[in-house]
PDB file of N, CA and C in Angstrom:
ATOM      1  N   MET A   1       0.860  20.997  -5.104  1.00  0.00           N
ATOM      2  CA  MET A   1      -0.538  21.008  -5.333  1.00  0.00           C
ATOM      3  C   MET A   1      -0.986  19.653  -4.727  1.00  0.00           C
ATOM      4  N   ALA A   2      -0.259  18.464  -4.722  1.00  0.00           N
ATOM      5  CA  ALA A   2      -0.698  17.302  -4.127  1.00  0.00           C
ATOM      6  C   ALA A   2      -0.477  17.545  -2.568  1.00  0.00           C
ATOM      7  N   GLU A   3       0.463  18.238  -2.268  1.00  0.00           N
ATOM      8  CA  GLU A   3       0.591  18.330  -0.655  1.00  0.00           C
ATOM      9  C   GLU A   3      -0.526  19.192  -0.040  1.00  0.00           C
ATOM     10  N   GLU A   4      -1.102  20.215  -0.841  1.00  0.00           N
ATOM     11  CA  GLU A   4      -2.129  20.996  -0.312  1.00  0.00           C
ATOM     12  C   GLU A   4      -3.284  20.299  -0.308  1.00  0.00           C
ATOM     13  N   LEU A   5      -3.528  19.232  -1.057  1.00  0.00           N
ATOM     14  CA  LEU A   5      -4.639  18.492  -1.087  1.00  0.00           C
ATOM     15  C   LEU A   5      -4.651  17.483   0.134  1.00  0.00           C
ATOM     16  N   ILE A   6      -3.519  17.069   0.514  1.00  0.00           N
ATOM     17  CA  ILE A   6      -3.387  16.342   1.756  1.00  0.00           C
ATOM     18  C   ILE A   6      -3.637  17.072   3.051  1.00  0.00           C
ATOM     19  N   TRP A   7      -3.341  18.629   2.961  1.00  0.00           N
ATOM     20  CA  TRP A   7      -3.547  19.042   4.040  1.00  0.00           C
ATOM     21  C   TRP A   7      -4.965  19.536   4.188  1.00  0.00           C
ATOM     22  N   LYS A   8      -5.618  19.663   3.123  1.00  0.00           N
ATOM     23  CA  LYS A   8      -7.152  20.000   2.902  1.00  0.00           C
ATOM     24  C   LYS A   8      -7.970  18.627   3.399  1.00  0.00           C
ATOM     25  N   SER A   9      -7.306  17.413   2.996  1.00  0.00           N
ATOM     26  CA  SER A   9      -8.063  16.306   3.597  1.00  0.00           C
ATOM     27  C   SER A   9      -8.102  16.245   5.031  1.00  0.00           C
ATOM     28  N   ARG A  10      -7.014  16.649   5.552  1.00  0.00           N
ATOM     29  CA  ARG A  10      -6.943  16.569   6.906  1.00  0.00           C
ATOM     30  C   ARG A  10      -7.561  17.637   7.754  1.00  0.00           C
ATOM     31  N   ALA A  11      -7.730  18.701   7.299  1.00  0.00           N
ATOM     32  CA  ALA A  11      -8.201  19.970   7.877  1.00  0.00           C
ATOM     33  C   ALA A  11      -9.644  20.041   7.647  1.00  0.00           C
ATOM     34  N   TYR A  12     -10.224  19.724   6.406  1.00  0.00           N
ATOM     35  CA  TYR A  12     -11.552  19.816   6.256  1.00  0.00           C
ATOM     36  C   TYR A  12     -12.390  18.537   6.590  1.00  0.00           C
ATOM     37  N   ASN A  13     -12.588  18.386   7.847  1.00  0.00           N
ATOM     38  CA  ASN A  13     -13.341  17.285   8.308  1.00  0.00           C
ATOM     39  C   ASN A  13     -14.876  17.431   8.046  1.00  0.00           C
ATOM     40  N   ASP A  14     -15.750  16.432   8.383  1.00  0.00           N
ATOM     41  CA  ASP A  14     -17.038  16.542   7.941  1.00  0.00           C
ATOM     42  C   ASP A  14     -17.850  17.677   8.465  1.00  0.00           C
ATOM     43  N   THR A  15     -17.412  18.049   9.726  1.00  0.00           N
ATOM     44  CA  THR A  15     -18.161  18.989  10.302  1.00  0.00           C
ATOM     45  C   THR A  15     -17.847  20.479   9.712  1.00  0.00           C
ATOM     46  N   PHE A  16     -16.595  20.597   9.500  1.00  0.00           N
ATOM     47  CA  PHE A  16     -16.133  21.787   8.590  1.00  0.00           C
ATOM     48  C   PHE A  16     -16.791  21.859   7.321  1.00  0.00           C
ATOM     49  N   MET A  17     -16.730  20.848   6.599  1.00  0.00           N
ATOM     50  CA  MET A  17     -17.454  20.981   5.386  1.00  0.00           C
ATOM     51  C   MET A  17     -18.695  21.168   5.282  1.00  0.00           C
ATOM     52  N   GLU A  18     -19.521  20.685   6.164  1.00  0.00           N
ATOM     53  CA  GLU A  18     -21.133  20.800   6.498  1.00  0.00           C
ATOM     54  C   GLU A  18     -21.294  22.277   6.689  1.00  0.00           C
ATOM     55  N   SER A  19     -20.528  23.091   7.710  1.00  0.00           N
ATOM     56  CA  SER A  19     -20.658  24.425   7.937  1.00  0.00           C
ATOM     57  C   SER A  19     -20.342  25.240   6.845  1.00  0.00           C
ATOM     58  N   TYR A  20     -19.409  24.842   6.090  1.00  0.00           N
ATOM     59  CA  TYR A  20     -18.997  25.735   4.871  1.00  0.00           C
ATOM     60  C   TYR A  20     -20.000  25.583   3.771  1.00  0.00           C
ATOM     61  N   ARG A  21     -20.586  24.334   3.624  1.00  0.00           N
ATOM     62  CA  ARG A  21     -21.913  23.944   2.516  1.00  0.00           C
ATOM     63  C   ARG A  21     -23.043  24.760   2.993  1.00  0.00           C
ATOM     64  N   GLU A  22     -23.316  25.001   4.194  1.00  0.00           N
ATOM     65  CA  GLU A  22     -24.517  25.547   4.552  1.00  0.00           C
ATOM     66  C   GLU A  22     -24.430  26.980   4.424  1.00  0.00           C
ATOM     67  N   ALA A  23     -23.161  27.598   4.502  1.00  0.00           N
ATOM     68  CA  ALA A  23     -22.979  29.003   4.183  1.00  0.00           C
ATOM     69  C   ALA A  23     -23.091  29.180   2.952  1.00  0.00           C
ATOM     70  N   PHE A  24     -22.612  28.317   1.849  1.00  0.00           N
ATOM     71  CA  PHE A  24     -22.758  28.517   0.469  1.00  0.00           C
ATOM     72  C   PHE A  24     -24.202  28.294  -0.110  1.00  0.00           C
ATOM     73  N   ASP A  25     -24.826  27.541   0.714  1.00  0.00           N
ATOM     74  CA  ASP A  25     -26.330  27.325   0.485  1.00  0.00           C
ATOM     75  C   ASP A  25     -27.024  28.505   0.625  1.00  0.00           C
ATOM     76  N   ARG A  26     -26.805  29.191   1.787  1.00  0.00           N
ATOM     77  CA  ARG A  26     -27.487  30.499   2.082  1.00  0.00           C
ATOM     78  C   ARG A  26     -27.194  31.504   1.193  1.00  0.00           C
ATOM     79  N   LEU A  27     -25.929  31.494   0.408  1.00  0.00           N
ATOM     80  CA  LEU A  27     -25.558  32.428  -0.525  1.00  0.00           C
ATOM     81  C   LEU A  27     -26.143  32.009  -1.982  1.00  0.00           C
ATOM     82  N   ASN A  28     -26.772  30.898  -2.094  1.00  0.00           N
ATOM     83  CA  ASN A  28     -27.197  30.507  -3.350  1.00  0.00           C
ATOM     84  C   ASN A  28     -26.064  30.218  -4.406  1.00  0.00           C
ATOM     85  N   ILE A  29     -25.087  29.430  -3.790  1.00  0.00           N
ATOM     86  CA  ILE A  29     -23.971  29.231  -4.577  1.00  0.00           C
ATOM     87  C   ILE A  29     -23.948  27.445  -4.727  1.00  0.00           C
ATOM     88  N   LYS A  30     -23.873  27.161  -6.040  1.00  0.00           N
ATOM     89  CA  LYS A  30     -23.960  25.955  -6.559  1.00  0.00           C
ATOM     90  C   LYS A  30     -23.137  25.014  -5.739  1.00  0.00           C
ATOM     91  N   ASP A  31     -23.472  23.585  -5.756  1.00  0.00           N
ATOM     92  CA  ASP A  31     -22.449  22.562  -4.982  1.00  0.00           C
ATOM     93  C   ASP A  31     -21.267  22.646  -5.760  1.00  0.00           C
ATOM     94  N   TYR A  32     -21.196  22.547  -7.211  1.00  0.00           N
ATOM     95  CA  TYR A  32     -19.989  22.541  -7.900  1.00  0.00           C
ATOM     96  C   TYR A  32     -19.157  23.692  -7.658  1.00  0.00           C
ATOM     97  N   HIS A  33     -19.727  24.687  -7.221  1.00  0.00           N
ATOM     98  CA  HIS A  33     -18.711  25.957  -7.104  1.00  0.00           C
ATOM     99  C   HIS A  33     -18.199  25.683  -5.772  1.00  0.00           C
ATOM    100  N   PHE A  34     -18.905  25.097  -4.575  1.00  0.00           N
ATOM    101  CA  PHE A  34     -18.566  24.954  -3.511  1.00  0.00           C
ATOM    102  C   PHE A  34     -17.154  24.008  -3.496  1.00  0.00           C
ATOM    103  N   LYS A  35     -17.397  22.880  -4.246  1.00  0.00           N
ATOM    104  CA  LYS A  35     -16.275  21.822  -4.342  1.00  0.00           C
ATOM    105  C   LYS A  35     -15.052  22.608  -5.080  1.00  0.00           C
ATOM    106  N   ARG A  36     -15.539  23.355  -6.149  1.00  0.00           N
ATOM    107  CA  ARG A  36     -14.290  24.169  -6.661  1.00  0.00           C
ATOM    108  C   ARG A  36     -13.459  24.959  -5.725  1.00  0.00           C
ATOM    109  N   PHE A  37     -14.310  25.603  -4.815  1.00  0.00           N
ATOM    110  CA  PHE A  37     -13.539  26.487  -3.906  1.00  0.00           C
ATOM    111  C   PHE A  37     -12.631  25.595  -3.018  1.00  0.00           C
ATOM    112  N   ILE A  38     -13.239  24.546  -2.649  1.00  0.00           N
ATOM    113  CA  ILE A  38     -12.364  23.713  -1.518  1.00  0.00           C
ATOM    114  C   ILE A  38     -11.106  23.280  -2.405  1.00  0.00           C
ATOM    115  N   LEU A  39     -11.205  22.672  -3.441  1.00  0.00           N
ATOM    116  CA  LEU A  39     -10.198  22.169  -4.234  1.00  0.00           C
ATOM    117  C   LEU A  39      -9.248  23.156  -4.806  1.00  0.00           C
ATOM    118  N   GLY A  40      -9.660  24.108  -5.205  1.00  0.00           N
ATOM    119  CA  GLY A  40      -8.733  25.388  -5.887  1.00  0.00           C
ATOM    120  C   GLY A  40      -8.768  25.049  -7.248  1.00  0.00           C
ATOM    121  N   ASN A  41      -9.698  24.256  -7.792  1.00  0.00           N
ATOM    122  CA  ASN A  41      -9.707  23.728  -9.027  1.00  0.00           C
ATOM    123  C   ASN A  41     -11.071  22.931  -9.394  1.00  0.00           C
ATOM    124  N   PHE A  42     -11.232  22.544 -10.640  1.00  0.00           N
ATOM    125  CA  PHE A  42     -12.499  22.041 -11.067  1.00  0.00           C
ATOM    126  C   PHE A  42     -12.587  20.496 -10.610  1.00  0.00           C
ATOM    127  N   ASP A  43     -13.940  20.348 -10.177  1.00  0.00           N
ATOM    128  CA  ASP A  43     -14.013  18.885  -9.689  1.00  0.00           C
ATOM    129  C   ASP A  43     -14.753  17.823 -10.603  1.00  0.00           C
ATOM    130  N   ARG A  44     -15.381  18.490 -11.683  1.00  0.00           N
ATOM    131  CA  ARG A  44     -16.193  17.793 -12.741  1.00  0.00           C
ATOM    132  C   ARG A  44     -15.236  17.303 -13.849  1.00  0.00           C
ATOM    133  N   ALA A  45     -15.525  16.002 -14.371  1.00  0.00           N
ATOM    134  CA  ALA A  45     -14.678  15.447 -15.349  1.00  0.00           C
ATOM    135  C   ALA A  45     -14.861  16.233 -16.586  1.00  0.00           C
ATOM    136  N   GLU A  46     -16.057  16.799 -17.056  1.00  0.00           N
ATOM    137  CA  GLU A  46     -16.173  17.840 -18.216  1.00  0.00           C
ATOM    138  C   GLU A  46     -15.589  19.022 -18.141  1.00  0.00           C
ATOM    139  N   ASP A  47     -14.909  19.332 -16.919  1.00  0.00           N
ATOM    140  CA  ASP A  47     -14.266  20.626 -16.928  1.00  0.00           C
ATOM    141  C   ASP A  47     -12.622  20.537 -16.836  1.00  0.00           C
ATOM    142  N   ILE A  48     -12.097  19.338 -16.957  1.00  0.00           N
ATOM    143  CA  ILE A  48     -10.679  18.993 -16.998  1.00  0.00           C
ATOM    144  C   ILE A  48     -10.008  19.839 -17.902  1.00  0.00           C
ATOM    145  N   HIS A  49     -10.657  20.295 -18.939  1.00  0.00           N
ATOM    146  CA  HIS A  49      -9.540  21.162 -20.065  1.00  0.00           C
ATOM    147  C   HIS A  49      -9.787  22.546 -19.646  1.00  0.00           C
ATOM    148  N   LYS A  50     -10.376  23.072 -18.612  1.00  0.00           N
ATOM    149  CA  LYS A  50     -10.414  24.490 -18.287  1.00  0.00           C
ATOM    150  C   LYS A  50      -9.218  25.068 -17.466  1.00  0.00           C
ATOM    151  N   ARG A  51      -8.698  24.013 -16.655  1.00  0.00           N
ATOM    152  CA  ARG A  51      -7.503  24.561 -16.022  1.00  0.00           C
ATOM    153  C   ARG A  51      -6.343  23.450 -15.898  1.00  0.00           C
ATOM    154  N   PRO A  52      -5.080  23.883 -16.079  1.00  0.00           N
ATOM    155  CA  PRO A  52      -4.148  22.823 -16.048  1.00  0.00           C
ATOM    156  C   PRO A  52      -4.053  22.156 -14.639  1.00  0.00           C
ATOM    157  N   LEU A  53      -3.732  20.709 -14.733  1.00  0.00           N
ATOM    158  CA  LEU A  53      -3.816  19.748 -13.638  1.00  0.00           C
ATOM    159  C   LEU A  53      -5.069  19.414 -12.975  1.00  0.00           C
ATOM    160  N   SER A  54      -6.065  19.784 -13.721  1.00  0.00           N
ATOM    161  CA  SER A  54      -7.528  19.547 -13.135  1.00  0.00           C
ATOM    162  C   SER A  54      -7.673  18.063 -13.006  1.00  0.00           C
ATOM    163  N   LYS A  55      -7.327  17.402 -13.957  1.00  0.00           N
ATOM    164  CA  LYS A  55      -7.339  15.839 -13.849  1.00  0.00           C
ATOM    165  C   LYS A  55      -6.647  15.220 -12.637  1.00  0.00           C
ATOM    166  N   MET A  56      -5.498  15.808 -12.517  1.00  0.00           N
ATOM    167  CA  MET A  56      -4.656  15.215 -11.477  1.00  0.00           C
ATOM    168  C   MET A  56      -5.206  15.714  -9.980  1.00  0.00           C
ATOM    169  N   THR A  57      -5.761  16.795  -9.976  1.00  0.00           N
ATOM    170  CA  THR A  57      -6.392  17.224  -8.788  1.00  0.00           C
ATOM    171  C   THR A  57      -7.500  16.415  -8.428  1.00  0.00           C
ATOM    172  N   GLN A  58      -8.516  16.300  -9.432  1.00  0.00           N
ATOM    173  CA  GLN A  58      -9.691  15.488  -9.213  1.00  0.00           C
ATOM    174  C   GLN A  58      -9.269  14.025  -8.588  1.00  0.00           C
ATOM    175  N   ASP A  59      -8.258  13.457  -9.415  1.00  0.00           N
ATOM    176  CA  ASP A  59      -7.856  12.032  -8.834  1.00  0.00           C
ATOM    177  C   ASP A  59      -7.547  11.899  -7.693  1.00  0.00           C
ATOM    178  N   ILE A  60      -6.443  12.718  -7.227  1.00  0.00           N
ATOM    179  CA  ILE A  60      -5.942  12.879  -5.866  1.00  0.00           C
ATOM    180  C   ILE A  60      -7.152  13.257  -4.700  1.00  0.00           C
ATOM    181  N   ALA A  61      -7.848  14.139  -5.139  1.00  0.00           N
ATOM    182  CA  ALA A  61      -9.059  14.352  -4.349  1.00  0.00           C
ATOM    183  C   ALA A  61      -9.995  13.311  -3.983  1.00  0.00           C
ATOM    184  N   ARG A  62     -10.228  12.769  -4.860  1.00  0.00           N
ATOM    185  CA  ARG A  62     -11.027  11.295  -4.831  1.00  0.00           C
ATOM    186  C   ARG A  62     -10.314  10.404  -3.961  1.00  0.00           C
ATOM    187  N   GLN A  63      -9.074  10.154  -4.335  1.00  0.00           N
ATOM    188  CA  GLN A  63      -8.558   9.396  -3.368  1.00  0.00           C
ATOM    189  C   GLN A  63      -8.390   9.512  -1.970  1.00  0.00           C
ATOM    190  N   LEU A  64      -8.323  10.918  -1.579  1.00  0.00           N
ATOM    191  CA  LEU A  64      -8.239  11.373  -0.178  1.00  0.00           C
ATOM    192  C   LEU A  64      -9.690  11.412   0.153  1.00  0.00           C
ATOM    193  N   GLY A  65     -10.560  11.274  -0.523  1.00  0.00           N
ATOM    194  CA  GLY A  65     -12.039  11.627   0.165  1.00  0.00           C
ATOM    195  C   GLY A  65     -12.592  12.877   0.104  1.00  0.00           C
ATOM    196  N   ILE A  66     -12.019  13.780  -0.529  1.00  0.00           N
ATOM    197  CA  ILE A  66     -12.340  15.164  -0.488  1.00  0.00           C
ATOM    198  C   ILE A  66     -13.630  15.415  -1.269  1.00  0.00           C
ATOM    199  N   ILE A  67     -13.575  14.785  -2.531  1.00  0.00           N
ATOM    200  CA  ILE A  67     -14.605  14.890  -3.322  1.00  0.00           C
ATOM    201  C   ILE A  67     -15.147  13.256  -3.526  1.00  0.00           C
ATOM    202  N   ARG A  68     -16.354  13.162  -4.167  1.00  0.00           N
ATOM    203  CA  ARG A  68     -16.657  11.694  -4.488  1.00  0.00           C
ATOM    204  C   ARG A  68     -17.068  11.503  -5.934  1.00  0.00           C
TER     205      ARG A  68
END
């Protein structure tokens, strides 16, 4: 899981993320669903109980700058 997050941090540059975000906006998909799609896990602190390793995923994603 951590390795995949490192790959995503390298592959998903700002331009790529913005184009994905625009596509999600056109589909009326909420921002937190977009982040969940990118991470493959929940990104909000209140959701860490919903899937195993959510907290670890969030911590690593923040360190890598995938989410803020």
